[in-house]
Amino acid sequence: IYLVPPSILIILCLFKVIAWKAQYIIPIGGILIGQVMN
């Protein structure tokens, strides 16, 4: 859980899909964490 979601968020930021801002990281991070948790 601590490896997968943050890694994907960093990749998305590097690909310039999103920026490391609350309006993107929190909702998308929540979706990712929920997926990995389930």
Full PDB file with SEQRES, HELIX, SHEET, SSBOND, CRYST1, ORIGX, SCALE, CONECT and MASTER records, all heavy atoms in Angstrom:
SEQRES   1 A   38  ILE TYR LEU VAL PRO PRO SER ILE LEU ILE ILE LEU CYS          
SEQRES   2 A   38  LEU PHE LYS VAL ILE ALA TRP LYS ALA GLN TYR ILE ILE          
SEQRES   3 A   38  PRO ILE GLY GLY ILE LEU ILE GLY GLN VAL MET ASN              
HELIX    1 AA1 VAL A    4  LEU A   14  1                                  11    
HELIX    2 AA2 ALA A   22  MET A   37  1                                  16    
CRYST1    1.000    1.000    1.000  90.00  90.00  90.00 P 1           1          
ORIGX1      1.000000  0.000000  0.000000        0.00000                         
ORIGX2      0.000000  1.000000  0.000000        0.00000                         
ORIGX3      0.000000  0.000000  1.000000        0.00000                         
SCALE1      1.000000  0.000000  0.000000        0.00000                         
SCALE2      0.000000  1.000000  0.000000        0.00000                         
SCALE3      0.000000  0.000000  1.000000        0.00000                         
ATOM      1  N   ILE A   1       0.824  -1.216   0.000  1.00  0.00           N  
ATOM      2  CA  ILE A   1       0.000   0.000   0.000  1.00  0.00           C  
ATOM      3  C   ILE A   1       0.857   1.263   0.000  1.00  0.00           C  
ATOM      4  O   ILE A   1       0.512   2.264  -0.650  1.00  0.00           O  
ATOM      5  CB  ILE A   1      -0.970  -0.015   1.197  1.00  0.00           C  
ATOM      6  CG1 ILE A   1      -2.042  -1.098   0.989  1.00  0.00           C  
ATOM      7  CG2 ILE A   1      -1.639   1.352   1.381  1.00  0.00           C  
ATOM      8  CD1 ILE A   1      -3.039  -1.240   2.122  1.00  0.00           C  
ATOM      9  N   TYR A   2       1.982   1.239   0.711  1.00  0.00           N  
ATOM     10  CA  TYR A   2       2.845   2.421   0.735  1.00  0.00           C  
ATOM     11  C   TYR A   2       3.737   2.526  -0.504  1.00  0.00           C  
ATOM     12  O   TYR A   2       4.306   3.580  -0.762  1.00  0.00           O  
ATOM     13  CB  TYR A   2       3.715   2.423   1.994  1.00  0.00           C  
ATOM     14  CG  TYR A   2       3.049   3.053   3.189  1.00  0.00           C  
ATOM     15  CD1 TYR A   2       2.476   2.279   4.187  1.00  0.00           C  
ATOM     16  CD2 TYR A   2       2.976   4.437   3.313  1.00  0.00           C  
ATOM     17  CE1 TYR A   2       1.850   2.858   5.288  1.00  0.00           C  
ATOM     18  CE2 TYR A   2       2.358   5.031   4.402  1.00  0.00           C  
ATOM     19  CZ  TYR A   2       1.800   4.232   5.378  1.00  0.00           C  
ATOM     20  OH  TYR A   2       1.166   4.827   6.464  1.00  0.00           O  
ATOM     21  N   LEU A   3       3.841   1.421  -1.274  1.00  0.00           N  
ATOM     22  CA  LEU A   3       4.677   1.435  -2.473  1.00  0.00           C  
ATOM     23  C   LEU A   3       3.894   1.769  -3.734  1.00  0.00           C  
ATOM     24  O   LEU A   3       4.287   2.651  -4.511  1.00  0.00           O  
ATOM     25  CB  LEU A   3       5.361   0.075  -2.639  1.00  0.00           C  
ATOM     26  CG  LEU A   3       6.107  -0.161  -3.959  1.00  0.00           C  
ATOM     27  CD1 LEU A   3       7.329   0.780  -4.050  1.00  0.00           C  
ATOM     28  CD2 LEU A   3       6.543  -1.612  -4.095  1.00  0.00           C  
ATOM     29  N   VAL A   4       2.772   1.065  -3.943  1.00  0.00           N  
ATOM     30  CA  VAL A   4       2.093   1.129  -5.247  1.00  0.00           C  
ATOM     31  C   VAL A   4       1.423   2.478  -5.526  1.00  0.00           C  
ATOM     32  O   VAL A   4       1.763   3.132  -6.525  1.00  0.00           O  
ATOM     33  CB  VAL A   4       1.086  -0.037  -5.387  1.00  0.00           C  
ATOM     34  CG1 VAL A   4       0.324   0.072  -6.705  1.00  0.00           C  
ATOM     35  CG2 VAL A   4       1.810  -1.376  -5.307  1.00  0.00           C  
ATOM     36  N   PRO A   5       0.461   2.963  -4.696  1.00  0.00           N  
ATOM     37  CA  PRO A   5      -0.208   4.227  -5.032  1.00  0.00           C  
ATOM     38  C   PRO A   5       0.744   5.426  -5.168  1.00  0.00           C  
ATOM     39  O   PRO A   5       0.647   6.160  -6.173  1.00  0.00           O  
ATOM     40  CB  PRO A   5      -1.201   4.424  -3.878  1.00  0.00           C  
ATOM     41  CG  PRO A   5      -1.459   3.042  -3.368  1.00  0.00           C  
ATOM     42  CD  PRO A   5      -0.153   2.344  -3.502  1.00  0.00           C  
ATOM     43  N   PRO A   6       1.669   5.649  -4.204  1.00  0.00           N  
ATOM     44  CA  PRO A   6       2.577   6.793  -4.375  1.00  0.00           C  
ATOM     45  C   PRO A   6       3.439   6.681  -5.627  1.00  0.00           C  
ATOM     46  O   PRO A   6       3.703   7.691  -6.300  1.00  0.00           O  
ATOM     47  CB  PRO A   6       3.448   6.742  -3.109  1.00  0.00           C  
ATOM     48  CG  PRO A   6       2.608   6.045  -2.092  1.00  0.00           C  
ATOM     49  CD  PRO A   6       1.866   5.014  -2.879  1.00  0.00           C  
ATOM     50  N   SER A   7       3.876   5.452  -5.971  1.00  0.00           N  
ATOM     51  CA  SER A   7       4.696   5.267  -7.176  1.00  0.00           C  
ATOM     52  C   SER A   7       3.925   5.672  -8.425  1.00  0.00           C  
ATOM     53  O   SER A   7       4.466   6.349  -9.315  1.00  0.00           O  
ATOM     54  CB  SER A   7       5.137   3.803  -7.297  1.00  0.00           C  
ATOM     55  OG  SER A   7       5.924   3.425  -6.198  1.00  0.00           O  
ATOM     56  N   ILE A   8       2.660   5.268  -8.503  1.00  0.00           N  
ATOM     57  CA  ILE A   8       1.848   5.609  -9.673  1.00  0.00           C  
ATOM     58  C   ILE A   8       1.596   7.111  -9.736  1.00  0.00           C  
ATOM     59  O   ILE A   8       1.636   7.709 -10.821  1.00  0.00           O  
ATOM     60  CB  ILE A   8       0.517   4.823  -9.639  1.00  0.00           C  
ATOM     61  CG1 ILE A   8       0.793   3.326  -9.760  1.00  0.00           C  
ATOM     62  CG2 ILE A   8      -0.410   5.276 -10.768  1.00  0.00           C  
ATOM     63  CD1 ILE A   8      -0.428   2.453  -9.588  1.00  0.00           C  
ATOM     64  N   LEU A   9       1.350   7.739  -8.591  1.00  0.00           N  
ATOM     65  CA  LEU A   9       1.137   9.189  -8.568  1.00  0.00           C  
ATOM     66  C   LEU A   9       2.384   9.933  -9.042  1.00  0.00           C  
ATOM     67  O   LEU A   9       2.286  10.910  -9.786  1.00  0.00           O  
ATOM     68  CB  LEU A   9       0.764   9.634  -7.153  1.00  0.00           C  
ATOM     69  CG  LEU A   9      -0.641   9.243  -6.683  1.00  0.00           C  
ATOM     70  CD1 LEU A   9      -0.815   9.568  -5.201  1.00  0.00           C  
ATOM     71  CD2 LEU A   9      -1.713   9.940  -7.498  1.00  0.00           C  
ATOM     72  N   ILE A  10       3.547   9.449  -8.615  1.00  0.00           N  
ATOM     73  CA  ILE A  10       4.807  10.072  -9.053  1.00  0.00           C  
ATOM     74  C   ILE A  10       4.980   9.917 -10.562  1.00  0.00           C  
ATOM     75  O   ILE A  10       5.395  10.862 -11.263  1.00  0.00           O  
ATOM     76  CB  ILE A  10       6.001   9.450  -8.298  1.00  0.00           C  
ATOM     77  CG1 ILE A  10       5.963   9.881  -6.826  1.00  0.00           C  
ATOM     78  CG2 ILE A  10       7.333   9.870  -8.927  1.00  0.00           C  
ATOM     79  CD1 ILE A  10       6.938   9.150  -5.933  1.00  0.00           C  
ATOM     80  N   ILE A  11       4.652   8.727 -11.081  1.00  0.00           N  
ATOM     81  CA  ILE A  11       4.736   8.491 -12.530  1.00  0.00           C  
ATOM     82  C   ILE A  11       3.805   9.434 -13.289  1.00  0.00           C  
ATOM     83  O   ILE A  11       4.196  10.035 -14.303  1.00  0.00           O  
ATOM     84  CB  ILE A  11       4.393   7.023 -12.859  1.00  0.00           C  
ATOM     85  CG1 ILE A  11       5.501   6.098 -12.349  1.00  0.00           C  
ATOM     86  CG2 ILE A  11       4.197   6.827 -14.365  1.00  0.00           C  
ATOM     87  CD1 ILE A  11       5.152   4.626 -12.419  1.00  0.00           C  
ATOM     88  N   LEU A  12       2.582   9.588 -12.800  1.00  0.00           N  
ATOM     89  CA  LEU A  12       1.622  10.490 -13.450  1.00  0.00           C  
ATOM     90  C   LEU A  12       2.130  11.932 -13.448  1.00  0.00           C  
ATOM     91  O   LEU A  12       1.929  12.666 -14.420  1.00  0.00           O  
ATOM     92  CB  LEU A  12       0.268  10.410 -12.749  1.00  0.00           C  
ATOM     93  CG  LEU A  12      -0.513   9.093 -12.901  1.00  0.00           C  
ATOM     94  CD1 LEU A  12      -1.788   9.135 -12.072  1.00  0.00           C  
ATOM     95  CD2 LEU A  12      -0.848   8.824 -14.369  1.00  0.00           C  
ATOM     96  N   CYS A  13       2.781  12.320 -12.354  1.00  0.00           N  
ATOM     97  CA  CYS A  13       3.344  13.679 -12.281  1.00  0.00           C  
ATOM     98  C   CYS A  13       4.511  13.831 -13.259  1.00  0.00           C  
ATOM     99  O   CYS A  13       4.639  14.864 -13.928  1.00  0.00           O  
ATOM    100  CB  CYS A  13       3.810  13.985 -10.860  1.00  0.00           C  
ATOM    101  SG  CYS A  13       2.464  14.216  -9.675  1.00  0.00           S  
ATOM    102  N   LEU A  14       5.345  12.799 -13.359  1.00  0.00           N  
ATOM    103  CA  LEU A  14       6.482  12.849 -14.288  1.00  0.00           C  
ATOM    104  C   LEU A  14       6.007  12.893 -15.741  1.00  0.00           C  
ATOM    105  O   LEU A  14       6.635  13.536 -16.590  1.00  0.00           O  
ATOM    106  CB  LEU A  14       7.383  11.628 -14.078  1.00  0.00           C  
ATOM    107  CG  LEU A  14       8.180  11.599 -12.763  1.00  0.00           C  
ATOM    108  CD1 LEU A  14       8.934  10.274 -12.625  1.00  0.00           C  
ATOM    109  CD2 LEU A  14       9.166  12.760 -12.689  1.00  0.00           C  
ATOM    110  N   PHE A  15       4.902  12.202 -16.032  1.00  0.00           N  
ATOM    111  CA  PHE A  15       4.327  12.218 -17.387  1.00  0.00           C  
ATOM    112  C   PHE A  15       3.517  13.485 -17.651  1.00  0.00           C  
ATOM    113  O   PHE A  15       2.954  13.650 -18.730  1.00  0.00           O  
ATOM    114  CB  PHE A  15       3.419  10.995 -17.592  1.00  0.00           C  
ATOM    115  CG  PHE A  15       4.158   9.689 -17.704  1.00  0.00           C  
ATOM    116  CD1 PHE A  15       3.462   8.496 -17.723  1.00  0.00           C  
ATOM    117  CD2 PHE A  15       5.537   9.655 -17.786  1.00  0.00           C  
ATOM    118  CE1 PHE A  15       4.126   7.281 -17.825  1.00  0.00           C  
ATOM    119  CE2 PHE A  15       6.221   8.446 -17.885  1.00  0.00           C  
ATOM    120  CZ  PHE A  15       5.517   7.254 -17.902  1.00  0.00           C  
ATOM    121  N   LYS A  16       3.422  14.353 -16.633  1.00  0.00           N  
ATOM    122  CA  LYS A  16       2.687  15.620 -16.713  1.00  0.00           C  
ATOM    123  C   LYS A  16       1.192  15.418 -16.968  1.00  0.00           C  
ATOM    124  O   LYS A  16       0.537  16.237 -17.616  1.00  0.00           O  
ATOM    125  CB  LYS A  16       3.300  16.525 -17.789  1.00  0.00           C  
ATOM    126  CG  LYS A  16       4.729  16.950 -17.470  1.00  0.00           C  
ATOM    127  CD  LYS A  16       5.281  17.915 -18.506  1.00  0.00           C  
ATOM    128  CE  LYS A  16       6.698  18.351 -18.133  1.00  0.00           C  
ATOM    129  NZ  LYS A  16       7.272  19.288 -19.113  1.00  0.00           N  
ATOM    130  N   VAL A  17       0.689  14.295 -16.467  1.00  0.00           N  
ATOM    131  CA  VAL A  17      -0.752  14.060 -16.529  1.00  0.00           C  
ATOM    132  C   VAL A  17      -1.447  14.886 -15.460  1.00  0.00           C  
ATOM    133  O   VAL A  17      -2.510  15.464 -15.681  1.00  0.00           O  
ATOM    134  CB  VAL A  17      -1.066  12.553 -16.344  1.00  0.00           C  
ATOM    135  CG1 VAL A  17      -2.577  12.320 -16.308  1.00  0.00           C  
ATOM    136  CG2 VAL A  17      -0.421  11.739 -17.459  1.00  0.00           C  
ATOM    137  N   ILE A  18      -0.840  14.913 -14.260  1.00  0.00           N  
ATOM    138  CA  ILE A  18      -1.350  15.704 -13.147  1.00  0.00           C  
ATOM    139  C   ILE A  18      -0.197  16.450 -12.500  1.00  0.00           C  
ATOM    140  O   ILE A  18       0.974  16.177 -12.788  1.00  0.00           O  
ATOM    141  CB  ILE A  18      -2.055  14.823 -12.077  1.00  0.00           C  
ATOM    142  CG1 ILE A  18      -1.070  13.789 -11.512  1.00  0.00           C  
ATOM    143  CG2 ILE A  18      -3.283  14.163 -12.645  1.00  0.00           C  
ATOM    144  CD1 ILE A  18      -1.611  13.009 -10.329  1.00  0.00           C  
ATOM    145  N   ALA A  19      -0.528  17.408 -11.641  1.00  0.00           N  
ATOM    146  CA  ALA A  19       0.479  18.106 -10.841  1.00  0.00           C  
ATOM    147  C   ALA A  19       0.325  17.665  -9.392  1.00  0.00           C  
ATOM    148  O   ALA A  19      -0.742  17.197  -8.989  1.00  0.00           O  
ATOM    149  CB  ALA A  19       0.287  19.620 -10.956  1.00  0.00           C  
ATOM    150  N   TRP A  20       1.403  17.796  -8.609  1.00  0.00           N  
ATOM    151  CA  TRP A  20       1.352  17.392  -7.198  1.00  0.00           C  
ATOM    152  C   TRP A  20       0.629  18.476  -6.396  1.00  0.00           C  
ATOM    153  O   TRP A  20       1.205  19.194  -5.611  1.00  0.00           O  
ATOM    154  CB  TRP A  20       2.752  17.142  -6.655  1.00  0.00           C  
ATOM    155  CG  TRP A  20       2.734  16.350  -5.365  1.00  0.00           C  
ATOM    156  CD1 TRP A  20       2.621  16.838  -4.115  1.00  0.00           C  
ATOM    157  CD2 TRP A  20       2.813  14.932  -5.232  1.00  0.00           C  
ATOM    158  NE1 TRP A  20       2.618  15.824  -3.196  1.00  0.00           N  
ATOM    159  CE2 TRP A  20       2.739  14.630  -3.850  1.00  0.00           C  
ATOM    160  CE3 TRP A  20       2.943  13.866  -6.136  1.00  0.00           C  
ATOM    161  CZ2 TRP A  20       2.795  13.320  -3.361  1.00  0.00           C  
ATOM    162  CZ3 TRP A  20       3.008  12.578  -5.649  1.00  0.00           C  
ATOM    163  CH2 TRP A  20       2.934  12.321  -4.273  1.00  0.00           C  
ATOM    164  N   LYS A  21      -0.665  18.555  -6.639  1.00  0.00           N  
ATOM    165  CA  LYS A  21      -1.518  19.511  -5.938  1.00  0.00           C  
ATOM    166  C   LYS A  21      -2.684  18.768  -5.315  1.00  0.00           C  
ATOM    167  O   LYS A  21      -3.096  17.708  -5.789  1.00  0.00           O  
ATOM    168  CB  LYS A  21      -2.027  20.591  -6.913  1.00  0.00           C  
ATOM    169  CG  LYS A  21      -0.924  21.494  -7.442  1.00  0.00           C  
ATOM    170  CD  LYS A  21      -1.502  22.613  -8.296  1.00  0.00           C  
ATOM    171  CE  LYS A  21      -0.419  23.570  -8.754  1.00  0.00           C  
ATOM    172  NZ  LYS A  21      -0.967  24.687  -9.543  1.00  0.00           N  
ATOM    173  N   ALA A  22      -3.233  19.365  -4.272  1.00  0.00           N  
ATOM    174  CA  ALA A  22      -4.287  18.699  -3.499  1.00  0.00           C  
ATOM    175  C   ALA A  22      -5.475  18.295  -4.363  1.00  0.00           C  
ATOM    176  O   ALA A  22      -6.020  17.199  -4.202  1.00  0.00           O  
ATOM    177  CB  ALA A  22      -4.754  19.614  -2.366  1.00  0.00           C  
ATOM    178  N   GLN A  23      -5.891  19.148  -5.298  1.00  0.00           N  
ATOM    179  CA  GLN A  23      -7.089  18.874  -6.086  1.00  0.00           C  
ATOM    180  C   GLN A  23      -6.933  17.651  -6.980  1.00  0.00           C  
ATOM    181  O   GLN A  23      -7.922  17.076  -7.433  1.00  0.00           O  
ATOM    182  CB  GLN A  23      -7.464  20.096  -6.928  1.00  0.00           C  
ATOM    183  CG  GLN A  23      -6.488  20.419  -8.048  1.00  0.00           C  
ATOM    184  CD  GLN A  23      -6.871  21.673  -8.782  1.00  0.00           C  
ATOM    185  OE1 GLN A  23      -6.285  22.731  -8.550  1.00  0.00           O  
ATOM    186  NE2 GLN A  23      -7.850  21.559  -9.661  1.00  0.00           N  
ATOM    187  N   TYR A  24      -5.679  17.233  -7.254  1.00  0.00           N  
ATOM    188  CA  TYR A  24      -5.437  16.038  -8.052  1.00  0.00           C  
ATOM    189  C   TYR A  24      -4.997  14.853  -7.189  1.00  0.00           C  
ATOM    190  O   TYR A  24      -5.507  13.739  -7.333  1.00  0.00           O  
ATOM    191  CB  TYR A  24      -4.358  16.316  -9.113  1.00  0.00           C  
ATOM    192  CG  TYR A  24      -4.677  17.470 -10.022  1.00  0.00           C  
ATOM    193  CD1 TYR A  24      -3.897  18.625  -9.996  1.00  0.00           C  
ATOM    194  CD2 TYR A  24      -5.743  17.428 -10.914  1.00  0.00           C  
ATOM    195  CE1 TYR A  24      -4.182  19.701 -10.824  1.00  0.00           C  
ATOM    196  CE2 TYR A  24      -6.042  18.486 -11.745  1.00  0.00           C  
ATOM    197  CZ  TYR A  24      -5.249  19.631 -11.695  1.00  0.00           C  
ATOM    198  OH  TYR A  24      -5.534  20.683 -12.510  1.00  0.00           O  
ATOM    199  N   ILE A  25      -4.023  15.091  -6.319  1.00  0.00           N  
ATOM    200  CA  ILE A  25      -3.399  14.005  -5.567  1.00  0.00           C  
ATOM    201  C   ILE A  25      -4.366  13.340  -4.592  1.00  0.00           C  
ATOM    202  O   ILE A  25      -4.394  12.110  -4.486  1.00  0.00           O  
ATOM    203  CB  ILE A  25      -2.158  14.516  -4.802  1.00  0.00           C  
ATOM    204  CG1 ILE A  25      -1.094  15.002  -5.800  1.00  0.00           C  
ATOM    205  CG2 ILE A  25      -1.583  13.434  -3.894  1.00  0.00           C  
ATOM    206  CD1 ILE A  25      -0.612  13.929  -6.756  1.00  0.00           C  
ATOM    207  N   ILE A  26      -5.168  14.134  -3.887  1.00  0.00           N  
ATOM    208  CA  ILE A  26      -6.056  13.556  -2.865  1.00  0.00           C  
ATOM    209  C   ILE A  26      -7.137  12.660  -3.488  1.00  0.00           C  
ATOM    210  O   ILE A  26      -7.276  11.491  -3.104  1.00  0.00           O  
ATOM    211  CB  ILE A  26      -6.678  14.658  -1.985  1.00  0.00           C  
ATOM    212  CG1 ILE A  26      -5.570  15.440  -1.259  1.00  0.00           C  
ATOM    213  CG2 ILE A  26      -7.645  14.044  -0.981  1.00  0.00           C  
ATOM    214  CD1 ILE A  26      -4.621  14.590  -0.445  1.00  0.00           C  
ATOM    215  N   PRO A  27      -7.919  13.147  -4.465  1.00  0.00           N  
ATOM    216  CA  PRO A  27      -8.952  12.251  -5.038  1.00  0.00           C  
ATOM    217  C   PRO A  27      -8.375  11.073  -5.812  1.00  0.00           C  
ATOM    218  O   PRO A  27      -8.840   9.941  -5.662  1.00  0.00           O  
ATOM    219  CB  PRO A  27      -9.774  13.177  -5.943  1.00  0.00           C  
ATOM    220  CG  PRO A  27      -8.917  14.360  -6.197  1.00  0.00           C  
ATOM    221  CD  PRO A  27      -8.026  14.516  -5.012  1.00  0.00           C  
ATOM    222  N   ILE A  28      -7.346  11.326  -6.630  1.00  0.00           N  
ATOM    223  CA  ILE A  28      -6.767  10.236  -7.412  1.00  0.00           C  
ATOM    224  C   ILE A  28      -6.020   9.265  -6.493  1.00  0.00           C  
ATOM    225  O   ILE A  28      -6.095   8.041  -6.666  1.00  0.00           O  
ATOM    226  CB  ILE A  28      -5.833  10.789  -8.513  1.00  0.00           C  
ATOM    227  CG1 ILE A  28      -6.661  11.575  -9.539  1.00  0.00           C  
ATOM    228  CG2 ILE A  28      -5.073   9.659  -9.206  1.00  0.00           C  
ATOM    229  CD1 ILE A  28      -5.844  12.234 -10.624  1.00  0.00           C  
ATOM    230  N   GLY A  29      -5.317   9.814  -5.499  1.00  0.00           N  
ATOM    231  CA  GLY A  29      -4.640   8.963  -4.522  1.00  0.00           C  
ATOM    232  C   GLY A  29      -5.630   8.099  -3.770  1.00  0.00           C  
ATOM    233  O   GLY A  29      -5.381   6.916  -3.514  1.00  0.00           O  
ATOM    234  N   GLY A  30      -6.779   8.664  -3.418  1.00  0.00           N  
ATOM    235  CA  GLY A  30      -7.816   7.901  -2.730  1.00  0.00           C  
ATOM    236  C   GLY A  30      -8.339   6.757  -3.574  1.00  0.00           C  
ATOM    237  O   GLY A  30      -8.567   5.645  -3.068  1.00  0.00           O  
ATOM    238  N   ILE A  31      -8.531   7.011  -4.871  1.00  0.00           N  
ATOM    239  CA  ILE A  31      -8.990   5.959  -5.786  1.00  0.00           C  
ATOM    240  C   ILE A  31      -7.959   4.832  -5.853  1.00  0.00           C  
ATOM    241  O   ILE A  31      -8.300   3.642  -5.786  1.00  0.00           O  
ATOM    242  CB  ILE A  31      -9.246   6.540  -7.191  1.00  0.00           C  
ATOM    243  CG1 ILE A  31     -10.428   7.512  -7.163  1.00  0.00           C  
ATOM    244  CG2 ILE A  31      -9.508   5.433  -8.206  1.00  0.00           C  
ATOM    245  CD1 ILE A  31     -10.609   8.297  -8.453  1.00  0.00           C  
ATOM    246  N   LEU A  32      -6.693   5.219  -5.983  1.00  0.00           N  
ATOM    247  CA  LEU A  32      -5.624   4.223  -6.080  1.00  0.00           C  
ATOM    248  C   LEU A  32      -5.482   3.401  -4.801  1.00  0.00           C  
ATOM    249  O   LEU A  32      -5.358   2.176  -4.845  1.00  0.00           O  
ATOM    250  CB  LEU A  32      -4.295   4.927  -6.387  1.00  0.00           C  
ATOM    251  CG  LEU A  32      -4.070   5.357  -7.831  1.00  0.00           C  
ATOM    252  CD1 LEU A  32      -2.840   6.247  -7.926  1.00  0.00           C  
ATOM    253  CD2 LEU A  32      -3.905   4.141  -8.727  1.00  0.00           C  
ATOM    254  N   ILE A  33      -5.491   4.085  -3.674  1.00  0.00           N  
ATOM    255  CA  ILE A  33      -5.346   3.394  -2.385  1.00  0.00           C  
ATOM    256  C   ILE A  33      -6.508   2.428  -2.172  1.00  0.00           C  
ATOM    257  O   ILE A  33      -6.319   1.299  -1.711  1.00  0.00           O  
ATOM    258  CB  ILE A  33      -5.242   4.406  -1.231  1.00  0.00           C  
ATOM    259  CG1 ILE A  33      -3.940   5.213  -1.349  1.00  0.00           C  
ATOM    260  CG2 ILE A  33      -5.286   3.706   0.133  1.00  0.00           C  
ATOM    261  CD1 ILE A  33      -3.877   6.425  -0.447  1.00  0.00           C  
ATOM    262  N   GLY A  34      -7.712   2.870  -2.516  1.00  0.00           N  
ATOM    263  CA  GLY A  34      -8.874   1.996  -2.396  1.00  0.00           C  
ATOM    264  C   GLY A  34      -8.756   0.767  -3.274  1.00  0.00           C  
ATOM    265  O   GLY A  34      -9.093  -0.350  -2.854  1.00  0.00           O  
ATOM    266  N   GLN A  35      -8.267   0.960  -4.508  1.00  0.00           N  
ATOM    267  CA  GLN A  35      -8.088  -0.169  -5.432  1.00  0.00           C  
ATOM    268  C   GLN A  35      -7.078  -1.166  -4.878  1.00  0.00           C  
ATOM    269  O   GLN A  35      -7.322  -2.377  -4.875  1.00  0.00           O  
ATOM    270  CB  GLN A  35      -7.612   0.351  -6.798  1.00  0.00           C  
ATOM    271  CG  GLN A  35      -7.108  -0.713  -7.747  1.00  0.00           C  
ATOM    272  CD  GLN A  35      -8.202  -1.516  -8.390  1.00  0.00           C  
ATOM    273  OE1 GLN A  35      -9.381  -1.254  -8.165  1.00  0.00           O  
ATOM    274  NE2 GLN A  35      -7.844  -2.519  -9.173  1.00  0.00           N  
ATOM    275  N   VAL A  36      -5.946  -0.666  -4.407  1.00  0.00           N  
ATOM    276  CA  VAL A  36      -4.890  -1.537  -3.892  1.00  0.00           C  
ATOM    277  C   VAL A  36      -5.350  -2.237  -2.606  1.00  0.00           C  
ATOM    278  O   VAL A  36      -5.088  -3.430  -2.409  1.00  0.00           O  
ATOM    279  CB  VAL A  36      -3.594  -0.738  -3.652  1.00  0.00           C  
ATOM    280  CG1 VAL A  36      -2.548  -1.586  -2.952  1.00  0.00           C  
ATOM    281  CG2 VAL A  36      -3.053  -0.217  -4.973  1.00  0.00           C  
ATOM    282  N   MET A  37      -6.040  -1.508  -1.747  1.00  0.00           N  
ATOM    283  CA  MET A  37      -6.552  -2.078  -0.501  1.00  0.00           C  
ATOM    284  C   MET A  37      -7.506  -3.235  -0.791  1.00  0.00           C  
ATOM    285  O   MET A  37      -7.381  -4.325  -0.210  1.00  0.00           O  
ATOM    286  CB  MET A  37      -7.256  -0.992   0.312  1.00  0.00           C  
ATOM    287  CG  MET A  37      -7.833  -1.466   1.635  1.00  0.00           C  
ATOM    288  SD  MET A  37      -8.641  -0.128   2.558  1.00  0.00           S  
ATOM    289  CE  MET A  37     -10.108   0.111   1.544  1.00  0.00           C  
ATOM    290  N   ASN A  38      -8.459  -3.021  -1.697  1.00  0.00           N  
ATOM    291  CA  ASN A  38      -9.401  -4.081  -2.050  1.00  0.00           C  
ATOM    292  C   ASN A  38      -8.698  -5.257  -2.702  1.00  0.00           C  
ATOM    293  O   ASN A  38      -9.031  -6.423  -2.433  1.00  0.00           O  
ATOM    294  CB  ASN A  38     -10.481  -3.534  -2.992  1.00  0.00           C  
ATOM    295  CG  ASN A  38     -11.425  -2.576  -2.304  1.00  0.00           C  
ATOM    296  OD1 ASN A  38     -11.624  -2.645  -1.097  1.00  0.00           O  
ATOM    297  ND2 ASN A  38     -12.010  -1.668  -3.062  1.00  0.00           N  
TER     298      ASN A  38                                                      
MASTER        0    0    0    2    0    0    0    6  297    1    0    3          
END                                                                             
